[in-house]
Amino acid sequence: MTDEVGNLVLEHLKRLQAEMAHMREEQRTSYSGQPAIQQTLNAHSTLLHQCLEDIAGVRIRLDRIARRLDLVEPAK
């Protein structure tokens, strides 16, 4: 009976070892993709800032046009 219990424990340990090896491999794979994700986020951040600057410029021009056309009251 003791040998059967020992074999059962060994089987569980082998299964755990195989699962841990699989998890390590998945972790390596996920870490290897992180630089690409970071580059994409940086690119999106740059584009967002450019869009915000463009919008701010358009607002300034639109306000100036509205004042020239007397569509808004001048600031006091």
PDB file of N, CA and C in Angstrom:
ATOM      1  N   MET A   1       0.816  -1.190   0.000  1.00  0.00           N
ATOM      2  CA  MET A   1       0.000   0.000   0.000  1.00  0.00           C
ATOM      3  C   MET A   1       0.863   1.258   0.000  1.00  0.00           C
ATOM      4  N   THR A   2       1.982   1.245   0.680  1.00  0.00           N
ATOM      5  CA  THR A   2       2.863   2.399   0.765  1.00  0.00           C
ATOM      6  C   THR A   2       3.439   2.741  -0.602  1.00  0.00           C
ATOM      7  N   ASP A   3       3.774   1.713  -1.388  1.00  0.00           N
ATOM      8  CA  ASP A   3       4.303   1.955  -2.735  1.00  0.00           C
ATOM      9  C   ASP A   3       3.256   2.621  -3.617  1.00  0.00           C
ATOM     10  N   GLU A   4       1.999   2.219  -3.453  1.00  0.00           N
ATOM     11  CA  GLU A   4       0.925   2.827  -4.248  1.00  0.00           C
ATOM     12  C   GLU A   4       0.756   4.303  -3.899  1.00  0.00           C
ATOM     13  N   VAL A   5       0.832   4.620  -2.615  1.00  0.00           N
ATOM     14  CA  VAL A   5       0.713   6.013  -2.180  1.00  0.00           C
ATOM     15  C   VAL A   5       1.900   6.807  -2.707  1.00  0.00           C
ATOM     16  N   GLY A   6       3.087   6.236  -2.635  1.00  0.00           N
ATOM     17  CA  GLY A   6       4.287   6.901  -3.148  1.00  0.00           C
ATOM     18  C   GLY A   6       4.184   7.158  -4.641  1.00  0.00           C
ATOM     19  N   ASN A   7       3.685   6.170  -5.379  1.00  0.00           N
ATOM     20  CA  ASN A   7       3.516   6.336  -6.829  1.00  0.00           C
ATOM     21  C   ASN A   7       2.467   7.407  -7.139  1.00  0.00           C
ATOM     22  N   LEU A   8       1.412   7.428  -6.351  1.00  0.00           N
ATOM     23  CA  LEU A   8       0.365   8.424  -6.546  1.00  0.00           C
ATOM     24  C   LEU A   8       0.916   9.832  -6.310  1.00  0.00           C
ATOM     25  N   VAL A   9       1.715  10.000  -5.265  1.00  0.00           N
ATOM     26  CA  VAL A   9       2.332  11.297  -4.983  1.00  0.00           C
ATOM     27  C   VAL A   9       3.270  11.686  -6.123  1.00  0.00           C
ATOM     28  N   LEU A  10       4.061  10.740  -6.595  1.00  0.00           N
ATOM     29  CA  LEU A  10       4.972  11.022  -7.715  1.00  0.00           C
ATOM     30  C   LEU A  10       4.206  11.442  -8.966  1.00  0.00           C
ATOM     31  N   GLU A  11       3.102  10.804  -9.230  1.00  0.00           N
ATOM     32  CA  GLU A  11       2.293  11.164 -10.399  1.00  0.00           C
ATOM     33  C   GLU A  11       1.765  12.594 -10.270  1.00  0.00           C
ATOM     34  N   HIS A  12       1.302  12.940  -9.082  1.00  0.00           N
ATOM     35  CA  HIS A  12       0.816  14.304  -8.857  1.00  0.00           C
ATOM     36  C   HIS A  12       1.950  15.313  -9.015  1.00  0.00           C
ATOM     37  N   LEU A  13       3.104  14.983  -8.466  1.00  0.00           N
ATOM     38  CA  LEU A  13       4.252  15.886  -8.583  1.00  0.00           C
ATOM     39  C   LEU A  13       4.679  16.062 -10.040  1.00  0.00           C
ATOM     40  N   LYS A  14       4.660  14.985 -10.802  1.00  0.00           N
ATOM     41  CA  LYS A  14       5.014  15.078 -12.231  1.00  0.00           C
ATOM     42  C   LYS A  14       4.018  15.961 -12.986  1.00  0.00           C
ATOM     43  N   ARG A  15       2.748  15.791 -12.664  1.00  0.00           N
ATOM     44  CA  ARG A  15       1.715  16.598 -13.310  1.00  0.00           C
ATOM     45  C   ARG A  15       1.899  18.082 -12.956  1.00  0.00           C
ATOM     46  N   LEU A  16       2.174  18.358 -11.688  1.00  0.00           N
ATOM     47  CA  LEU A  16       2.417  19.739 -11.265  1.00  0.00           C
ATOM     48  C   LEU A  16       3.640  20.326 -11.952  1.00  0.00           C
ATOM     49  N   GLN A  17       4.686  19.535 -12.081  1.00  0.00           N
ATOM     50  CA  GLN A  17       5.894  19.995 -12.745  1.00  0.00           C
ATOM     51  C   GLN A  17       5.615  20.325 -14.213  1.00  0.00           C
ATOM     52  N   ALA A  18       4.844  19.497 -14.880  1.00  0.00           N
ATOM     53  CA  ALA A  18       4.505  19.743 -16.281  1.00  0.00           C
ATOM     54  C   ALA A  18       3.659  21.013 -16.415  1.00  0.00           C
ATOM     55  N   GLU A  19       2.713  21.201 -15.505  1.00  0.00           N
ATOM     56  CA  GLU A  19       1.883  22.407 -15.546  1.00  0.00           C
ATOM     57  C   GLU A  19       2.707  23.664 -15.280  1.00  0.00           C
ATOM     58  N   MET A  20       3.650  23.574 -14.352  1.00  0.00           N
ATOM     59  CA  MET A  20       4.512  24.728 -14.067  1.00  0.00           C
ATOM     60  C   MET A  20       5.385  25.064 -15.272  1.00  0.00           C
ATOM     61  N   ALA A  21       5.893  24.050 -15.950  1.00  0.00           N
ATOM     62  CA  ALA A  21       6.703  24.287 -17.147  1.00  0.00           C
ATOM     63  C   ALA A  21       5.866  24.964 -18.226  1.00  0.00           C
ATOM     64  N   HIS A  22       4.626  24.539 -18.367  1.00  0.00           N
ATOM     65  CA  HIS A  22       3.712  25.149 -19.336  1.00  0.00           C
ATOM     66  C   HIS A  22       3.435  26.605 -18.972  1.00  0.00           C
ATOM     67  N   MET A  23       3.228  26.878 -17.695  1.00  0.00           N
ATOM     68  CA  MET A  23       2.972  28.248 -17.248  1.00  0.00           C
ATOM     69  C   MET A  23       4.193  29.136 -17.495  1.00  0.00           C
ATOM     70  N   ARG A  24       5.392  28.597 -17.248  1.00  0.00           N
ATOM     71  CA  ARG A  24       6.610  29.380 -17.504  1.00  0.00           C
ATOM     72  C   ARG A  24       6.726  29.748 -18.984  1.00  0.00           C
ATOM     73  N   GLU A  25       6.396  28.817 -19.838  1.00  0.00           N
ATOM     74  CA  GLU A  25       6.471  29.079 -21.277  1.00  0.00           C
ATOM     75  C   GLU A  25       5.448  30.129 -21.692  1.00  0.00           C
ATOM     76  N   GLU A  26       4.247  30.056 -21.154  1.00  0.00           N
ATOM     77  CA  GLU A  26       3.233  31.066 -21.449  1.00  0.00           C
ATOM     78  C   GLU A  26       3.669  32.444 -20.954  1.00  0.00           C
ATOM     79  N   GLN A  27       4.304  32.480 -19.806  1.00  0.00           N
ATOM     80  CA  GLN A  27       4.777  33.741 -19.245  1.00  0.00           C
ATOM     81  C   GLN A  27       5.865  34.343 -20.133  1.00  0.00           C
ATOM     82  N   ARG A  28       6.788  33.513 -20.611  1.00  0.00           N
ATOM     83  CA  ARG A  28       7.824  34.005 -21.527  1.00  0.00           C
ATOM     84  C   ARG A  28       7.206  34.589 -22.789  1.00  0.00           C
ATOM     85  N   THR A  29       6.191  33.913 -23.302  1.00  0.00           N
ATOM     86  CA  THR A  29       5.517  34.382 -24.512  1.00  0.00           C
ATOM     87  C   THR A  29       4.848  35.728 -24.274  1.00  0.00           C
ATOM     88  N   SER A  30       4.203  35.877 -23.130  1.00  0.00           N
ATOM     89  CA  SER A  30       3.524  37.143 -22.854  1.00  0.00           C
ATOM     90  C   SER A  30       4.534  38.265 -22.641  1.00  0.00           C
ATOM     91  N   TYR A  31       5.668  37.978 -22.012  1.00  0.00           N
ATOM     92  CA  TYR A  31       6.693  38.998 -21.813  1.00  0.00           C
ATOM     93  C   TYR A  31       7.319  39.432 -23.136  1.00  0.00           C
ATOM     94  N   SER A  32       7.433  38.520 -24.072  1.00  0.00           N
ATOM     95  CA  SER A  32       8.051  38.873 -25.350  1.00  0.00           C
ATOM     96  C   SER A  32       7.167  39.812 -26.163  1.00  0.00           C
ATOM     97  N   GLY A  33       5.859  39.814 -25.915  1.00  0.00           N
ATOM     98  CA  GLY A  33       4.956  40.701 -26.642  1.00  0.00           C
ATOM     99  C   GLY A  33       4.823  42.077 -26.036  1.00  0.00           C
ATOM    100  N   GLN A  34       5.320  42.274 -24.828  1.00  0.00           N
ATOM    101  CA  GLN A  34       5.147  43.553 -24.147  1.00  0.00           C
ATOM    102  C   GLN A  34       5.843  44.727 -24.835  1.00  0.00           C
ATOM    103  N   PRO A  35       7.061  44.581 -25.357  1.00  0.00           N
ATOM    104  CA  PRO A  35       7.675  45.737 -26.039  1.00  0.00           C
ATOM    105  C   PRO A  35       6.856  46.220 -27.236  1.00  0.00           C
ATOM    106  N   ALA A  36       6.276  45.311 -27.979  1.00  0.00           N
ATOM    107  CA  ALA A  36       5.454  45.708 -29.126  1.00  0.00           C
ATOM    108  C   ALA A  36       4.214  46.458 -28.662  1.00  0.00           C
ATOM    109  N   ILE A  37       3.615  46.004 -27.585  1.00  0.00           N
ATOM    110  CA  ILE A  37       2.441  46.688 -27.041  1.00  0.00           C
ATOM    111  C   ILE A  37       2.824  48.083 -26.563  1.00  0.00           C
ATOM    112  N   GLN A  38       3.975  48.194 -25.909  1.00  0.00           N
ATOM    113  CA  GLN A  38       4.431  49.497 -25.419  1.00  0.00           C
ATOM    114  C   GLN A  38       4.685  50.461 -26.564  1.00  0.00           C
ATOM    115  N   GLN A  39       5.289  49.971 -27.647  1.00  0.00           N
ATOM    116  CA  GLN A  39       5.526  50.821 -28.814  1.00  0.00           C
ATOM    117  C   GLN A  39       4.213  51.301 -29.419  1.00  0.00           C
ATOM    118  N   THR A  40       3.236  50.426 -29.490  1.00  0.00           N
ATOM    119  CA  THR A  40       1.931  50.801 -30.031  1.00  0.00           C
ATOM    120  C   THR A  40       1.268  51.861 -29.156  1.00  0.00           C
ATOM    121  N   LEU A  41       1.333  51.683 -27.841  1.00  0.00           N
ATOM    122  CA  LEU A  41       0.758  52.676 -26.931  1.00  0.00           C
ATOM    123  C   LEU A  41       1.461  54.020 -27.068  1.00  0.00           C
ATOM    124  N   ASN A  42       2.773  54.005 -27.210  1.00  0.00           N
ATOM    125  CA  ASN A  42       3.517  55.254 -27.390  1.00  0.00           C
ATOM    126  C   ASN A  42       3.107  55.955 -28.685  1.00  0.00           C
ATOM    127  N   ALA A  43       2.943  55.184 -29.744  1.00  0.00           N
ATOM    128  CA  ALA A  43       2.528  55.766 -31.027  1.00  0.00           C
ATOM    129  C   ALA A  43       1.135  56.372 -30.912  1.00  0.00           C
ATOM    130  N   HIS A  44       0.224  55.674 -30.244  1.00  0.00           N
ATOM    131  CA  HIS A  44      -1.133  56.207 -30.074  1.00  0.00           C
ATOM    132  C   HIS A  44      -1.125  57.463 -29.223  1.00  0.00           C
ATOM    133  N   SER A  45      -0.284  57.480 -28.215  1.00  0.00           N
ATOM    134  CA  SER A  45      -0.187  58.662 -27.364  1.00  0.00           C
ATOM    135  C   SER A  45       0.308  59.866 -28.169  1.00  0.00           C
ATOM    136  N   THR A  46       1.302  59.646 -29.013  1.00  0.00           N
ATOM    137  CA  THR A  46       1.824  60.723 -29.857  1.00  0.00           C
ATOM    138  C   THR A  46       0.745  61.240 -30.800  1.00  0.00           C
ATOM    139  N   LEU A  47       0.011  60.335 -31.424  1.00  0.00           N
ATOM    140  CA  LEU A  47      -1.058  60.744 -32.337  1.00  0.00           C
ATOM    141  C   LEU A  47      -2.153  61.502 -31.602  1.00  0.00           C
ATOM    142  N   LEU A  48      -2.488  61.073 -30.405  1.00  0.00           N
ATOM    143  CA  LEU A  48      -3.511  61.759 -29.618  1.00  0.00           C
ATOM    144  C   LEU A  48      -3.075  63.186 -29.308  1.00  0.00           C
ATOM    145  N   HIS A  49      -1.823  63.367 -28.899  1.00  0.00           N
ATOM    146  CA  HIS A  49      -1.332  64.710 -28.595  1.00  0.00           C
ATOM    147  C   HIS A  49      -1.342  65.596 -29.848  1.00  0.00           C
ATOM    148  N   GLN A  50      -0.997  65.028 -30.997  1.00  0.00           N
ATOM    149  CA  GLN A  50      -1.049  65.797 -32.240  1.00  0.00           C
ATOM    150  C   GLN A  50      -2.478  66.217 -32.567  1.00  0.00           C
ATOM    151  N   CYS A  51      -3.420  65.306 -32.372  1.00  0.00           N
ATOM    152  CA  CYS A  51      -4.830  65.631 -32.635  1.00  0.00           C
ATOM    153  C   CYS A  51      -5.321  66.728 -31.697  1.00  0.00           C
ATOM    154  N   LEU A  52      -4.948  66.640 -30.431  1.00  0.00           N
ATOM    155  CA  LEU A  52      -5.363  67.659 -29.470  1.00  0.00           C
ATOM    156  C   LEU A  52      -4.778  69.024 -29.821  1.00  0.00           C
ATOM    157  N   GLU A  53      -3.528  69.054 -30.272  1.00  0.00           N
ATOM    158  CA  GLU A  53      -2.928  70.316 -30.694  1.00  0.00           C
ATOM    159  C   GLU A  53      -3.645  70.877 -31.921  1.00  0.00           C
ATOM    160  N   ASP A  54      -3.986  70.014 -32.870  1.00  0.00           N
ATOM    161  CA  ASP A  54      -4.719  70.455 -34.060  1.00  0.00           C
ATOM    162  C   ASP A  54      -6.082  71.026 -33.677  1.00  0.00           C
ATOM    163  N   ILE A  55      -6.777  70.355 -32.775  1.00  0.00           N
ATOM    164  CA  ILE A  55      -8.094  70.832 -32.346  1.00  0.00           C
ATOM    165  C   ILE A  55      -7.968  72.188 -31.663  1.00  0.00           C
ATOM    166  N   ALA A  56      -6.953  72.348 -30.824  1.00  0.00           N
ATOM    167  CA  ALA A  56      -6.750  73.632 -30.147  1.00  0.00           C
ATOM    168  C   ALA A  56      -6.496  74.736 -31.171  1.00  0.00           C
ATOM    169  N   GLY A  57      -5.717  74.441 -32.196  1.00  0.00           N
ATOM    170  CA  GLY A  57      -5.464  75.427 -33.248  1.00  0.00           C
ATOM    171  C   GLY A  57      -6.721  75.797 -34.011  1.00  0.00           C
ATOM    172  N   VAL A  58      -7.536  74.815 -34.291  1.00  0.00           N
ATOM    173  CA  VAL A  58      -8.791  75.065 -35.001  1.00  0.00           C
ATOM    174  C   VAL A  58      -9.725  75.917 -34.143  1.00  0.00           C
ATOM    175  N   ARG A  59      -9.775  75.655 -32.856  1.00  0.00           N
ATOM    176  CA  ARG A  59     -10.622  76.456 -31.959  1.00  0.00           C
ATOM    177  C   ARG A  59     -10.181  77.921 -31.949  1.00  0.00           C
ATOM    178  N   ILE A  60      -8.884  78.125 -31.891  1.00  0.00           N
ATOM    179  CA  ILE A  60      -8.372  79.498 -31.895  1.00  0.00           C
ATOM    180  C   ILE A  60      -8.771  80.210 -33.183  1.00  0.00           C
ATOM    181  N   ARG A  61      -8.592  79.537 -34.302  1.00  0.00           N
ATOM    182  CA  ARG A  61      -8.950  80.138 -35.589  1.00  0.00           C
ATOM    183  C   ARG A  61     -10.451  80.390 -35.685  1.00  0.00           C
ATOM    184  N   LEU A  62     -11.251  79.442 -35.201  1.00  0.00           N
ATOM    185  CA  LEU A  62     -12.698  79.589 -35.249  1.00  0.00           C
ATOM    186  C   LEU A  62     -13.152  80.758 -34.381  1.00  0.00           C
ATOM    187  N   ASP A  63     -12.564  80.899 -33.208  1.00  0.00           N
ATOM    188  CA  ASP A  63     -12.893  82.044 -32.350  1.00  0.00           C
ATOM    189  C   ASP A  63     -12.534  83.358 -33.039  1.00  0.00           C
ATOM    190  N   ARG A  64     -11.376  83.388 -33.674  1.00  0.00           N
ATOM    191  CA  ARG A  64     -10.945  84.604 -34.371  1.00  0.00           C
ATOM    192  C   ARG A  64     -11.904  84.943 -35.513  1.00  0.00           C
ATOM    193  N   ILE A  65     -12.324  83.941 -36.248  1.00  0.00           N
ATOM    194  CA  ILE A  65     -13.267  84.154 -37.357  1.00  0.00           C
ATOM    195  C   ILE A  65     -14.602  84.650 -36.811  1.00  0.00           C
ATOM    196  N   ALA A  66     -15.063  84.035 -35.725  1.00  0.00           N
ATOM    197  CA  ALA A  66     -16.341  84.443 -35.139  1.00  0.00           C
ATOM    198  C   ALA A  66     -16.280  85.895 -34.673  1.00  0.00           C
ATOM    199  N   ARG A  67     -15.151  86.324 -34.090  1.00  0.00           N
ATOM    200  CA  ARG A  67     -15.020  87.716 -33.655  1.00  0.00           C
ATOM    201  C   ARG A  67     -15.012  88.664 -34.852  1.00  0.00           C
ATOM    202  N   ARG A  68     -14.336  88.264 -35.919  1.00  0.00           N
ATOM    203  CA  ARG A  68     -14.288  89.125 -37.112  1.00  0.00           C
ATOM    204  C   ARG A  68     -15.669  89.301 -37.727  1.00  0.00           C
ATOM    205  N   LEU A  69     -16.467  88.261 -37.650  1.00  0.00           N
ATOM    206  CA  LEU A  69     -17.817  88.321 -38.214  1.00  0.00           C
ATOM    207  C   LEU A  69     -18.832  88.872 -37.225  1.00  0.00           C
ATOM    208  N   ASP A  70     -18.343  89.307 -36.081  1.00  0.00           N
ATOM    209  CA  ASP A  70     -19.204  89.825 -35.019  1.00  0.00           C
ATOM    210  C   ASP A  70     -20.276  88.811 -34.604  1.00  0.00           C
ATOM    211  N   LEU A  71     -19.886  87.553 -34.556  1.00  0.00           N
ATOM    212  CA  LEU A  71     -20.819  86.509 -34.111  1.00  0.00           C
ATOM    213  C   LEU A  71     -20.791  86.307 -32.610  1.00  0.00           C
ATOM    214  N   VAL A  72     -19.760  86.828 -31.963  1.00  0.00           N
ATOM    215  CA  VAL A  72     -19.648  86.703 -30.507  1.00  0.00           C
ATOM    216  C   VAL A  72     -19.276  88.049 -29.935  1.00  0.00           C
ATOM    217  N   GLU A  73     -19.617  88.225 -28.668  1.00  0.00           N
ATOM    218  CA  GLU A  73     -19.260  89.451 -27.971  1.00  0.00           C
ATOM    219  C   GLU A  73     -17.759  89.399 -27.628  1.00  0.00           C
ATOM    220  N   PRO A  74     -17.067  90.492 -27.762  1.00  0.00           N
ATOM    221  CA  PRO A  74     -15.647  90.485 -27.362  1.00  0.00           C
ATOM    222  C   PRO A  74     -15.521  90.251 -25.855  1.00  0.00           C
ATOM    223  N   ALA A  75     -14.455  89.644 -25.460  1.00  0.00           N
ATOM    224  CA  ALA A  75     -14.228  89.372 -24.028  1.00  0.00           C
ATOM    225  C   ALA A  75     -14.006  90.670 -23.287  1.00  0.00           C
ATOM    226  N   LYS A  76     -14.550  90.753 -22.051  1.00  0.00           N
ATOM    227  CA  LYS A  76     -14.430  91.972 -21.263  1.00  0.00           C
ATOM    228  C   LYS A  76     -13.247  91.921 -20.364  1.00  0.00           C
TER     229      LYS A  76
END
